[in-house]
Amino acid sequence: MHQVAGFATKAGKIIACKYRKDVIPLLTLDETQLSFIDSALMMRIREAREPKLGKVICSIVLYEKVTYATILVNSEDYPIIMTSFDRENKNTDLESLILHGILPLLSQYPTGTV
């Protein structure tokens, strides 16, 4: 189900990135980097609405072939996790997976480190 996951800075610079075993990436490394930068920029734009809507938790983008989720982490050093999922498994509840699976795992790390 999962294709790629990585940590990035607020500017979208990839710190760590790992593909699922036996996956043929849909994007080159340069294209992946651009995707992280784009997601980081969009998350920063969304922060302007936080006073009225509340803190941004994640953003999910659906493409025909893949779904990307950008998740904000409570970390100064590596505040963004970007992960992708195959579109083949349409029964996956990504919101629940992120809120109840991924975020609780990340909350065990102190602020400032991941």
PDB file of N, CA and C in Angstrom:
ATOM      1  N   MET A   1       0.807  -1.184   0.000  1.00  0.00           N
ATOM      2  CA  MET A   1       0.000   0.000   0.000  1.00  0.00           C
ATOM      3  C   MET A   1       0.855   1.255   0.000  1.00  0.00           C
ATOM      4  N   HIS A   2       1.907   1.285   0.747  1.00  0.00           N
ATOM      5  CA  HIS A   2       2.707   2.491   0.918  1.00  0.00           C
ATOM      6  C   HIS A   2       3.858   2.528  -0.085  1.00  0.00           C
ATOM      7  N   GLN A   3       4.085   3.671  -0.710  1.00  0.00           N
ATOM      8  CA  GLN A   3       5.119   3.824  -1.727  1.00  0.00           C
ATOM      9  C   GLN A   3       6.397   4.436  -1.168  1.00  0.00           C
ATOM     10  N   VAL A   4       6.287   5.670  -0.653  1.00  0.00           N
ATOM     11  CA  VAL A   4       7.450   6.424  -0.202  1.00  0.00           C
ATOM     12  C   VAL A   4       7.060   7.231   1.029  1.00  0.00           C
ATOM     13  N   ALA A   5       8.034   7.438   1.886  1.00  0.00           N
ATOM     14  CA  ALA A   5       7.838   8.317   3.035  1.00  0.00           C
ATOM     15  C   ALA A   5       9.128   9.069   3.278  1.00  0.00           C
ATOM     16  N   GLY A   6       9.000  10.296   3.769  1.00  0.00           N
ATOM     17  CA  GLY A   6      10.192  11.069   4.047  1.00  0.00           C
ATOM     18  C   GLY A   6       9.926  12.226   4.979  1.00  0.00           C
ATOM     19  N   PHE A   7      10.986  12.661   5.633  1.00  0.00           N
ATOM     20  CA  PHE A   7      10.954  13.844   6.485  1.00  0.00           C
ATOM     21  C   PHE A   7      11.562  14.998   5.713  1.00  0.00           C
ATOM     22  N   ALA A   8      11.031  16.202   5.946  1.00  0.00           N
ATOM     23  CA  ALA A   8      11.547  17.389   5.266  1.00  0.00           C
ATOM     24  C   ALA A   8      11.530  18.581   6.213  1.00  0.00           C
ATOM     25  N   THR A   9      12.320  19.580   5.857  1.00  0.00           N
ATOM     26  CA  THR A   9      12.340  20.835   6.601  1.00  0.00           C
ATOM     27  C   THR A   9      11.120  21.666   6.224  1.00  0.00           C
ATOM     28  N   LYS A  10      10.952  22.811   6.889  1.00  0.00           N
ATOM     29  CA  LYS A  10       9.838  23.722   6.557  1.00  0.00           C
ATOM     30  C   LYS A  10       9.906  24.180   5.113  1.00  0.00           C
ATOM     31  N   ALA A  11      11.120  24.235   4.552  1.00  0.00           N
ATOM     32  CA  ALA A  11      11.295  24.657   3.159  1.00  0.00           C
ATOM     33  C   ALA A  11      11.094  23.502   2.182  1.00  0.00           C
ATOM     34  N   GLY A  12      10.890  22.276   2.687  1.00  0.00           N
ATOM     35  CA  GLY A  12      10.661  21.133   1.828  1.00  0.00           C
ATOM     36  C   GLY A  12      11.911  20.360   1.464  1.00  0.00           C
ATOM     37  N   LYS A  13      13.061  20.717   2.029  1.00  0.00           N
ATOM     38  CA  LYS A  13      14.300  19.978   1.747  1.00  0.00           C
ATOM     39  C   LYS A  13      14.223  18.607   2.406  1.00  0.00           C
ATOM     40  N   ILE A  14      14.386  17.570   1.596  1.00  0.00           N
ATOM     41  CA  ILE A  14      14.301  16.205   2.107  1.00  0.00           C
ATOM     42  C   ILE A  14      15.475  15.930   3.049  1.00  0.00           C
ATOM     43  N   ILE A  15      15.153  15.444   4.233  1.00  0.00           N
ATOM     44  CA  ILE A  15      16.151  15.038   5.220  1.00  0.00           C
ATOM     45  C   ILE A  15      16.367  13.537   5.130  1.00  0.00           C
ATOM     46  N   ALA A  16      15.285  12.802   4.993  1.00  0.00           N
ATOM     47  CA  ALA A  16      15.343  11.342   4.867  1.00  0.00           C
ATOM     48  C   ALA A  16      14.168  10.900   4.022  1.00  0.00           C
ATOM     49  N   CYS A  17      14.398   9.918   3.168  1.00  0.00           N
ATOM     50  CA  CYS A  17      13.352   9.444   2.265  1.00  0.00           C
ATOM     51  C   CYS A  17      13.583   7.958   2.015  1.00  0.00           C
ATOM     52  N   LYS A  18      12.522   7.174   2.062  1.00  0.00           N
ATOM     53  CA  LYS A  18      12.656   5.727   1.881  1.00  0.00           C
ATOM     54  C   LYS A  18      11.476   5.209   1.071  1.00  0.00           C
ATOM     55  N   TYR A  19      11.787   4.403   0.055  1.00  0.00           N
ATOM     56  CA  TYR A  19      10.753   3.755  -0.738  1.00  0.00           C
ATOM     57  C   TYR A  19      10.468   2.373  -0.190  1.00  0.00           C
ATOM     58  N   ARG A  20       9.237   1.922  -0.393  1.00  0.00           N
ATOM     59  CA  ARG A  20       8.872   0.567  -0.016  1.00  0.00           C
ATOM     60  C   ARG A  20       9.698  -0.412  -0.849  1.00  0.00           C
ATOM     61  N   LYS A  21      10.072  -1.519  -0.256  1.00  0.00           N
ATOM     62  CA  LYS A  21      10.866  -2.539  -0.942  1.00  0.00           C
ATOM     63  C   LYS A  21      10.139  -2.993  -2.210  1.00  0.00           C
ATOM     64  N   ASP A  22      10.896  -3.167  -3.264  1.00  0.00           N
ATOM     65  CA  ASP A  22      10.402  -3.658  -4.556  1.00  0.00           C
ATOM     66  C   ASP A  22       9.472  -2.689  -5.289  1.00  0.00           C
ATOM     67  N   VAL A  23       9.485  -1.425  -4.914  1.00  0.00           N
ATOM     68  CA  VAL A  23       8.664  -0.418  -5.599  1.00  0.00           C
ATOM     69  C   VAL A  23       9.490   0.253  -6.680  1.00  0.00           C
ATOM     70  N   ILE A  24       8.881   0.432  -7.822  1.00  0.00           N
ATOM     71  CA  ILE A  24       9.487   1.233  -8.882  1.00  0.00           C
ATOM     72  C   ILE A  24       8.902   2.631  -8.729  1.00  0.00           C
ATOM     73  N   PRO A  25       9.721   3.612  -8.327  1.00  0.00           N
ATOM     74  CA  PRO A  25       9.202   4.962  -8.069  1.00  0.00           C
ATOM     75  C   PRO A  25       8.542   5.571  -9.304  1.00  0.00           C
ATOM     76  N   LEU A  26       7.441   6.289  -9.075  1.00  0.00           N
ATOM     77  CA  LEU A  26       6.755   6.993 -10.149  1.00  0.00           C
ATOM     78  C   LEU A  26       7.484   8.284 -10.508  1.00  0.00           C
ATOM     79  N   LEU A  27       8.205   8.861  -9.544  1.00  0.00           N
ATOM     80  CA  LEU A  27       8.935  10.112  -9.752  1.00  0.00           C
ATOM     81  C   LEU A  27      10.430   9.888  -9.572  1.00  0.00           C
ATOM     82  N   THR A  28      11.223  10.680 -10.269  1.00  0.00           N
ATOM     83  CA  THR A  28      12.667  10.655 -10.047  1.00  0.00           C
ATOM     84  C   THR A  28      12.945  11.309  -8.689  1.00  0.00           C
ATOM     85  N   LEU A  29      14.174  11.214  -8.215  1.00  0.00           N
ATOM     86  CA  LEU A  29      14.538  11.842  -6.949  1.00  0.00           C
ATOM     87  C   LEU A  29      14.347  13.361  -7.024  1.00  0.00           C
ATOM     88  N   ASP A  30      14.722  13.967  -8.155  1.00  0.00           N
ATOM     89  CA  ASP A  30      14.528  15.415  -8.324  1.00  0.00           C
ATOM     90  C   ASP A  30      13.041  15.779  -8.307  1.00  0.00           C
ATOM     91  N   GLU A  31      12.218  14.976  -8.949  1.00  0.00           N
ATOM     92  CA  GLU A  31      10.775  15.222  -8.952  1.00  0.00           C
ATOM     93  C   GLU A  31      10.183  15.032  -7.555  1.00  0.00           C
ATOM     94  N   THR A  32      10.695  14.046  -6.835  1.00  0.00           N
ATOM     95  CA  THR A  32      10.261  13.839  -5.459  1.00  0.00           C
ATOM     96  C   THR A  32      10.618  15.046  -4.607  1.00  0.00           C
ATOM     97  N   GLN A  33      11.832  15.574  -4.780  1.00  0.00           N
ATOM     98  CA  GLN A  33      12.252  16.764  -4.038  1.00  0.00           C
ATOM     99  C   GLN A  33      11.326  17.940  -4.344  1.00  0.00           C
ATOM    100  N   LEU A  34      10.998  18.142  -5.608  1.00  0.00           N
ATOM    101  CA  LEU A  34      10.077  19.219  -5.985  1.00  0.00           C
ATOM    102  C   LEU A  34       8.698  19.014  -5.362  1.00  0.00           C
ATOM    103  N   SER A  35       8.265  17.776  -5.276  1.00  0.00           N
ATOM    104  CA  SER A  35       6.980  17.464  -4.658  1.00  0.00           C
ATOM    105  C   SER A  35       6.985  17.833  -3.181  1.00  0.00           C
ATOM    106  N   PHE A  36       8.097  17.549  -2.490  1.00  0.00           N
ATOM    107  CA  PHE A  36       8.230  17.915  -1.078  1.00  0.00           C
ATOM    108  C   PHE A  36       8.213  19.440  -0.925  1.00  0.00           C
ATOM    109  N   ILE A  37       8.920  20.152  -1.786  1.00  0.00           N
ATOM    110  CA  ILE A  37       8.954  21.615  -1.722  1.00  0.00           C
ATOM    111  C   ILE A  37       7.552  22.185  -1.941  1.00  0.00           C
ATOM    112  N   ASP A  38       6.850  21.672  -2.933  1.00  0.00           N
ATOM    113  CA  ASP A  38       5.493  22.110  -3.227  1.00  0.00           C
ATOM    114  C   ASP A  38       4.582  21.886  -2.019  1.00  0.00           C
ATOM    115  N   SER A  39       4.674  20.715  -1.415  1.00  0.00           N
ATOM    116  CA  SER A  39       3.830  20.402  -0.258  1.00  0.00           C
ATOM    117  C   SER A  39       4.163  21.289   0.936  1.00  0.00           C
ATOM    118  N   ALA A  40       5.442  21.531   1.164  1.00  0.00           N
ATOM    119  CA  ALA A  40       5.859  22.396   2.274  1.00  0.00           C
ATOM    120  C   ALA A  40       5.333  23.811   2.067  1.00  0.00           C
ATOM    121  N   LEU A  41       5.425  24.313   0.851  1.00  0.00           N
ATOM    122  CA  LEU A  41       4.933  25.650   0.536  1.00  0.00           C
ATOM    123  C   LEU A  41       3.426  25.739   0.771  1.00  0.00           C
ATOM    124  N   MET A  42       2.702  24.763   0.308  1.00  0.00           N
ATOM    125  CA  MET A  42       1.248  24.776   0.482  1.00  0.00           C
ATOM    126  C   MET A  42       0.871  24.699   1.959  1.00  0.00           C
ATOM    127  N   MET A  43       1.615  23.937   2.741  1.00  0.00           N
ATOM    128  CA  MET A  43       1.328  23.850   4.177  1.00  0.00           C
ATOM    129  C   MET A  43       1.582  25.200   4.846  1.00  0.00           C
ATOM    130  N   ARG A  44       2.620  25.886   4.442  1.00  0.00           N
ATOM    131  CA  ARG A  44       2.910  27.204   5.020  1.00  0.00           C
ATOM    132  C   ARG A  44       1.825  28.208   4.636  1.00  0.00           C
ATOM    133  N   ILE A  45       1.302  28.118   3.429  1.00  0.00           N
ATOM    134  CA  ILE A  45       0.212  29.001   3.004  1.00  0.00           C
ATOM    135  C   ILE A  45      -1.030  28.745   3.857  1.00  0.00           C
ATOM    136  N   ARG A  46      -1.300  27.480   4.148  1.00  0.00           N
ATOM    137  CA  ARG A  46      -2.474  27.126   4.955  1.00  0.00           C
ATOM    138  C   ARG A  46      -2.381  27.656   6.382  1.00  0.00           C
ATOM    139  N   GLU A  47      -1.181  27.856   6.888  1.00  0.00           N
ATOM    140  CA  GLU A  47      -0.996  28.349   8.258  1.00  0.00           C
ATOM    141  C   GLU A  47      -1.661  29.712   8.466  1.00  0.00           C
ATOM    142  N   ALA A  48      -1.824  30.480   7.421  1.00  0.00           N
ATOM    143  CA  ALA A  48      -2.450  31.802   7.535  1.00  0.00           C
ATOM    144  C   ALA A  48      -3.901  31.704   8.013  1.00  0.00           C
ATOM    145  N   ARG A  49      -4.550  30.592   7.759  1.00  0.00           N
ATOM    146  CA  ARG A  49      -5.950  30.407   8.167  1.00  0.00           C
ATOM    147  C   ARG A  49      -6.082  29.732   9.534  1.00  0.00           C
ATOM    148  N   GLU A  50      -4.968  29.369  10.156  1.00  0.00           N
ATOM    149  CA  GLU A  50      -5.020  28.669  11.437  1.00  0.00           C
ATOM    150  C   GLU A  50      -5.730  29.438  12.547  1.00  0.00           C
ATOM    151  N   PRO A  51      -5.593  30.777  12.627  1.00  0.00           N
ATOM    152  CA  PRO A  51      -6.304  31.474  13.707  1.00  0.00           C
ATOM    153  C   PRO A  51      -7.823  31.250  13.679  1.00  0.00           C
ATOM    154  N   LYS A  52      -8.378  31.042  12.520  1.00  0.00           N
ATOM    155  CA  LYS A  52      -9.824  30.839  12.422  1.00  0.00           C
ATOM    156  C   LYS A  52     -10.210  29.365  12.342  1.00  0.00           C
ATOM    157  N   LEU A  53      -9.370  28.535  11.712  1.00  0.00           N
ATOM    158  CA  LEU A  53      -9.732  27.139  11.467  1.00  0.00           C
ATOM    159  C   LEU A  53      -9.073  26.145  12.416  1.00  0.00           C
ATOM    160  N   GLY A  54      -8.033  26.579  13.111  1.00  0.00           N
ATOM    161  CA  GLY A  54      -7.282  25.668  13.966  1.00  0.00           C
ATOM    162  C   GLY A  54      -6.018  25.205  13.262  1.00  0.00           C
ATOM    163  N   LYS A  55      -5.174  24.530  14.011  1.00  0.00           N
ATOM    164  CA  LYS A  55      -3.875  24.081  13.506  1.00  0.00           C
ATOM    165  C   LYS A  55      -4.021  23.079  12.354  1.00  0.00           C
ATOM    166  N   VAL A  56      -3.211  23.256  11.332  1.00  0.00           N
ATOM    167  CA  VAL A  56      -3.169  22.306  10.222  1.00  0.00           C
ATOM    168  C   VAL A  56      -2.593  20.995  10.744  1.00  0.00           C
ATOM    169  N   ILE A  57      -3.236  19.888  10.424  1.00  0.00           N
ATOM    170  CA  ILE A  57      -2.748  18.569  10.822  1.00  0.00           C
ATOM    171  C   ILE A  57      -2.117  17.873   9.628  1.00  0.00           C
ATOM    172  N   CYS A  58      -2.853  17.849   8.524  1.00  0.00           N
ATOM    173  CA  CYS A  58      -2.319  17.202   7.324  1.00  0.00           C
ATOM    174  C   CYS A  58      -3.075  17.689   6.099  1.00  0.00           C
ATOM    175  N   SER A  59      -2.507  17.363   4.967  1.00  0.00           N
ATOM    176  CA  SER A  59      -3.129  17.664   3.686  1.00  0.00           C
ATOM    177  C   SER A  59      -3.045  16.397   2.849  1.00  0.00           C
ATOM    178  N   ILE A  60      -4.135  16.045   2.204  1.00  0.00           N
ATOM    179  CA  ILE A  60      -4.174  14.833   1.373  1.00  0.00           C
ATOM    180  C   ILE A  60      -4.502  15.241  -0.053  1.00  0.00           C
ATOM    181  N   VAL A  61      -3.681  14.780  -0.987  1.00  0.00           N
ATOM    182  CA  VAL A  61      -3.889  15.066  -2.399  1.00  0.00           C
ATOM    183  C   VAL A  61      -4.072  13.740  -3.134  1.00  0.00           C
ATOM    184  N   LEU A  62      -5.159  13.651  -3.894  1.00  0.00           N
ATOM    185  CA  LEU A  62      -5.458  12.437  -4.654  1.00  0.00           C
ATOM    186  C   LEU A  62      -5.107  12.637  -6.116  1.00  0.00           C
ATOM    187  N   TYR A  63      -4.220  11.797  -6.610  1.00  0.00           N
ATOM    188  CA  TYR A  63      -3.920  11.728  -8.035  1.00  0.00           C
ATOM    189  C   TYR A  63      -4.546  10.434  -8.553  1.00  0.00           C
ATOM    190  N   GLU A  64      -4.566  10.242  -9.854  1.00  0.00           N
ATOM    191  CA  GLU A  64      -5.124   9.010 -10.414  1.00  0.00           C
ATOM    192  C   GLU A  64      -4.350   7.769  -9.960  1.00  0.00           C
ATOM    193  N   LYS A  65      -3.031   7.887  -9.845  1.00  0.00           N
ATOM    194  CA  LYS A  65      -2.190   6.725  -9.551  1.00  0.00           C
ATOM    195  C   LYS A  65      -1.727   6.628  -8.105  1.00  0.00           C
ATOM    196  N   VAL A  66      -1.772   7.734  -7.377  1.00  0.00           N
ATOM    197  CA  VAL A  66      -1.199   7.736  -6.030  1.00  0.00           C
ATOM    198  C   VAL A  66      -1.878   8.807  -5.179  1.00  0.00           C
ATOM    199  N   THR A  67      -1.875   8.596  -3.878  1.00  0.00           N
ATOM    200  CA  THR A  67      -2.367   9.580  -2.921  1.00  0.00           C
ATOM    201  C   THR A  67      -1.192  10.039  -2.073  1.00  0.00           C
ATOM    202  N   TYR A  68      -1.026  11.350  -1.952  1.00  0.00           N
ATOM    203  CA  TYR A  68       0.030  11.913  -1.109  1.00  0.00           C
ATOM    204  C   TYR A  68      -0.598  12.508   0.143  1.00  0.00           C
ATOM    205  N   ALA A  69       0.017  12.257   1.276  1.00  0.00           N
ATOM    206  CA  ALA A  69      -0.381  12.889   2.528  1.00  0.00           C
ATOM    207  C   ALA A  69       0.822  13.640   3.075  1.00  0.00           C
ATOM    208  N   THR A  70       0.619  14.913   3.377  1.00  0.00           N
ATOM    209  CA  THR A  70       1.642  15.732   4.008  1.00  0.00           C
ATOM    210  C   THR A  70       1.172  15.973   5.434  1.00  0.00           C
ATOM    211  N   ILE A  71       1.986  15.561   6.395  1.00  0.00           N
ATOM    212  CA  ILE A  71       1.610  15.596   7.803  1.00  0.00           C
ATOM    213  C   ILE A  71       2.560  16.540   8.537  1.00  0.00           C
ATOM    214  N   LEU A  72       1.985  17.453   9.304  1.00  0.00           N
ATOM    215  CA  LEU A  72       2.809  18.341  10.117  1.00  0.00           C
ATOM    216  C   LEU A  72       3.137  17.647  11.429  1.00  0.00           C
ATOM    217  N   VAL A  73       4.397  17.743  11.813  1.00  0.00           N
ATOM    218  CA  VAL A  73       4.895  17.108  13.030  1.00  0.00           C
ATOM    219  C   VAL A  73       5.309  18.210  13.997  1.00  0.00           C
ATOM    220  N   ASN A  74       5.153  17.974  15.255  1.00  0.00           N
ATOM    221  CA  ASN A  74       5.546  18.951  16.271  1.00  0.00           C
ATOM    222  C   ASN A  74       7.055  18.904  16.475  1.00  0.00           C
ATOM    223  N   SER A  75       7.793  19.343  15.462  1.00  0.00           N
ATOM    224  CA  SER A  75       9.248  19.330  15.504  1.00  0.00           C
ATOM    225  C   SER A  75       9.778  20.561  14.785  1.00  0.00           C
ATOM    226  N   GLU A  76      10.718  21.245  15.396  1.00  0.00           N
ATOM    227  CA  GLU A  76      11.330  22.407  14.756  1.00  0.00           C
ATOM    228  C   GLU A  76      12.278  21.993  13.631  1.00  0.00           C
ATOM    229  N   ASP A  77      12.995  20.884  13.811  1.00  0.00           N
ATOM    230  CA  ASP A  77      14.006  20.457  12.849  1.00  0.00           C
ATOM    231  C   ASP A  77      13.414  19.796  11.606  1.00  0.00           C
ATOM    232  N   TYR A  78      12.464  18.911  11.786  1.00  0.00           N
ATOM    233  CA  TYR A  78      11.883  18.144  10.675  1.00  0.00           C
ATOM    234  C   TYR A  78      10.362  18.171  10.804  1.00  0.00           C
ATOM    235  N   PRO A  79       9.735  19.305  10.459  1.00  0.00           N
ATOM    236  CA  PRO A  79       8.312  19.462  10.744  1.00  0.00           C
ATOM    237  C   PRO A  79       7.344  18.803   9.761  1.00  0.00           C
ATOM    238  N   ILE A  80       7.851  18.227   8.679  1.00  0.00           N
ATOM    239  CA  ILE A  80       6.947  17.684   7.663  1.00  0.00           C
ATOM    240  C   ILE A  80       7.290  16.231   7.363  1.00  0.00           C
ATOM    241  N   ILE A  81       6.256  15.417   7.346  1.00  0.00           N
ATOM    242  CA  ILE A  81       6.382  14.051   6.836  1.00  0.00           C
ATOM    243  C   ILE A  81       5.499  13.986   5.605  1.00  0.00           C
ATOM    244  N   MET A  82       6.044  13.457   4.540  1.00  0.00           N
ATOM    245  CA  MET A  82       5.246  13.259   3.336  1.00  0.00           C
ATOM    246  C   MET A  82       5.269  11.774   3.037  1.00  0.00           C
ATOM    247  N   THR A  83       4.106  11.238   2.769  1.00  0.00           N
ATOM    248  CA  THR A  83       4.005   9.813   2.481  1.00  0.00           C
ATOM    249  C   THR A  83       3.012   9.604   1.345  1.00  0.00           C
ATOM    250  N   SER A  84       3.208   8.548   0.609  1.00  0.00           N
ATOM    251  CA  SER A  84       2.294   8.258  -0.503  1.00  0.00           C
ATOM    252  C   SER A  84       1.708   6.868  -0.324  1.00  0.00           C
ATOM    253  N   PHE A  85       0.543   6.681  -0.946  1.00  0.00           N
ATOM    254  CA  PHE A  85      -0.182   5.420  -0.856  1.00  0.00           C
ATOM    255  C   PHE A  85      -0.693   5.048  -2.241  1.00  0.00           C
ATOM    256  N   ASP A  86      -0.687   3.748  -2.546  1.00  0.00           N
ATOM    257  CA  ASP A  86      -1.254   3.261  -3.797  1.00  0.00           C
ATOM    258  C   ASP A  86      -2.739   3.590  -3.845  1.00  0.00           C
ATOM    259  N   ARG A  87      -3.239   3.906  -5.000  1.00  0.00           N
ATOM    260  CA  ARG A  87      -4.672   4.162  -5.170  1.00  0.00           C
ATOM    261  C   ARG A  87      -5.443   2.860  -5.359  1.00  0.00           C
ATOM    262  N   GLU A  88      -4.719   1.739  -5.494  1.00  0.00           N
ATOM    263  CA  GLU A  88      -5.380   0.447  -5.723  1.00  0.00           C
ATOM    264  C   GLU A  88      -6.261   0.036  -4.551  1.00  0.00           C
ATOM    265  N   ASN A  89      -5.828   0.329  -3.317  1.00  0.00           N
ATOM    266  CA  ASN A  89      -6.595  -0.038  -2.136  1.00  0.00           C
ATOM    267  C   ASN A  89      -7.489   1.129  -1.736  1.00  0.00           C
ATOM    268  N   LYS A  90      -8.656   1.220  -2.318  1.00  0.00           N
ATOM    269  CA  LYS A  90      -9.554   2.347  -2.101  1.00  0.00           C
ATOM    270  C   LYS A  90     -10.299   2.263  -0.771  1.00  0.00           C
ATOM    271  N   ASN A  91     -10.169   1.149  -0.057  1.00  0.00           N
ATOM    272  CA  ASN A  91     -10.861   0.984   1.214  1.00  0.00           C
ATOM    273  C   ASN A  91     -10.088   1.575   2.385  1.00  0.00           C
ATOM    274  N   THR A  92      -8.899   2.094   2.141  1.00  0.00           N
ATOM    275  CA  THR A  92      -8.083   2.635   3.214  1.00  0.00           C
ATOM    276  C   THR A  92      -8.647   3.971   3.683  1.00  0.00           C
ATOM    277  N   ASP A  93      -8.898   4.077   4.975  1.00  0.00           N
ATOM    278  CA  ASP A  93      -9.353   5.328   5.581  1.00  0.00           C
ATOM    279  C   ASP A  93      -8.114   6.104   6.002  1.00  0.00           C
ATOM    280  N   LEU A  94      -7.622   6.971   5.108  1.00  0.00           N
ATOM    281  CA  LEU A  94      -6.372   7.684   5.354  1.00  0.00           C
ATOM    282  C   LEU A  94      -6.465   8.624   6.551  1.00  0.00           C
ATOM    283  N   GLU A  95      -7.602   9.263   6.720  1.00  0.00           N
ATOM    284  CA  GLU A  95      -7.734  10.171   7.863  1.00  0.00           C
ATOM    285  C   GLU A  95      -7.545   9.400   9.167  1.00  0.00           C
ATOM    286  N   SER A  96      -8.194   8.267   9.291  1.00  0.00           N
ATOM    287  CA  SER A  96      -8.059   7.446  10.493  1.00  0.00           C
ATOM    288  C   SER A  96      -6.633   6.923  10.647  1.00  0.00           C
ATOM    289  N   LEU A  97      -6.039   6.482   9.553  1.00  0.00           N
ATOM    290  CA  LEU A  97      -4.665   5.985   9.589  1.00  0.00           C
ATOM    291  C   LEU A  97      -3.710   7.064  10.089  1.00  0.00           C
ATOM    292  N   ILE A  98      -3.879   8.283   9.600  1.00  0.00           N
ATOM    293  CA  ILE A  98      -3.000   9.384  10.001  1.00  0.00           C
ATOM    294  C   ILE A  98      -3.249   9.768  11.456  1.00  0.00           C
ATOM    295  N   LEU A  99      -4.525   9.986  11.820  1.00  0.00           N
ATOM    296  CA  LEU A  99      -4.846  10.449  13.167  1.00  0.00           C
ATOM    297  C   LEU A  99      -4.596   9.398  14.237  1.00  0.00           C
ATOM    298  N   HIS A 100      -4.871   8.132  13.929  1.00  0.00           N
ATOM    299  CA  HIS A 100      -4.800   7.093  14.954  1.00  0.00           C
ATOM    300  C   HIS A 100      -3.623   6.126  14.796  1.00  0.00           C
ATOM    301  N   GLY A 101      -2.930   6.210  13.660  1.00  0.00           N
ATOM    302  CA  GLY A 101      -1.785   5.332  13.440  1.00  0.00           C
ATOM    303  C   GLY A 101      -0.457   6.068  13.398  1.00  0.00           C
ATOM    304  N   ILE A 102      -0.352   7.039  12.507  1.00  0.00           N
ATOM    305  CA  ILE A 102       0.924   7.735  12.298  1.00  0.00           C
ATOM    306  C   ILE A 102       1.202   8.756  13.399  1.00  0.00           C
ATOM    307  N   LEU A 103       0.258   9.656  13.676  1.00  0.00           N
ATOM    308  CA  LEU A 103       0.501  10.719  14.663  1.00  0.00           C
ATOM    309  C   LEU A 103       0.815  10.191  16.063  1.00  0.00           C
ATOM    310  N   PRO A 104       0.110   9.156  16.550  1.00  0.00           N
ATOM    311  CA  PRO A 104       0.486   8.629  17.875  1.00  0.00           C
ATOM    312  C   PRO A 104       1.917   8.074  17.915  1.00  0.00           C
ATOM    313  N   LEU A 105       2.376   7.498  16.820  1.00  0.00           N
ATOM    314  CA  LEU A 105       3.755   7.004  16.773  1.00  0.00           C
ATOM    315  C   LEU A 105       4.739   8.159  16.879  1.00  0.00           C
ATOM    316  N   LEU A 106       4.421   9.267  16.225  1.00  0.00           N
ATOM    317  CA  LEU A 106       5.306  10.422  16.225  1.00  0.00           C
ATOM    318  C   LEU A 106       5.297  11.176  17.541  1.00  0.00           C
ATOM    319  N   SER A 107       4.206  11.105  18.278  1.00  0.00           N
ATOM    320  CA  SER A 107       4.090  11.866  19.520  1.00  0.00           C
ATOM    321  C   SER A 107       5.031  11.364  20.604  1.00  0.00           C
ATOM    322  N   GLN A 108       5.617  10.196  20.424  1.00  0.00           N
ATOM    323  CA  GLN A 108       6.544   9.678  21.429  1.00  0.00           C
ATOM    324  C   GLN A 108       7.903  10.363  21.375  1.00  0.00           C
ATOM    325  N   TYR A 109       8.162  11.124  20.301  1.00  0.00           N
ATOM    326  CA  TYR A 109       9.428  11.828  20.158  1.00  0.00           C
ATOM    327  C   TYR A 109       9.307  13.243  20.718  1.00  0.00           C
ATOM    328  N   PRO A 110      10.312  13.691  21.462  1.00  0.00           N
ATOM    329  CA  PRO A 110      10.253  15.063  22.004  1.00  0.00           C
ATOM    330  C   PRO A 110      10.300  16.109  20.899  1.00  0.00           C
ATOM    331  N   THR A 111       9.722  17.277  21.174  1.00  0.00           N
ATOM    332  CA  THR A 111       9.769  18.387  20.229  1.00  0.00           C
ATOM    333  C   THR A 111      11.217  18.750  19.923  1.00  0.00           C
ATOM    334  N   GLY A 112      11.486  18.986  18.644  1.00  0.00           N
ATOM    335  CA  GLY A 112      12.843  19.359  18.226  1.00  0.00           C
ATOM    336  C   GLY A 112      13.617  18.199  17.633  1.00  0.00           C
ATOM    337  N   THR A 113      13.127  16.975  17.811  1.00  0.00           N
ATOM    338  CA  THR A 113      13.800  15.820  17.228  1.00  0.00           C
ATOM    339  C   THR A 113      12.770  14.845  16.702  1.00  0.00           C
ATOM    340  N   VAL A 114      13.148  14.087  15.712  1.00  0.00           N
ATOM    341  CA  VAL A 114      12.288  13.043  15.180  1.00  0.00           C
ATOM    342  C   VAL A 114      13.143  11.835  14.940  1.00  0.00           C
TER     343      VAL A 114
END
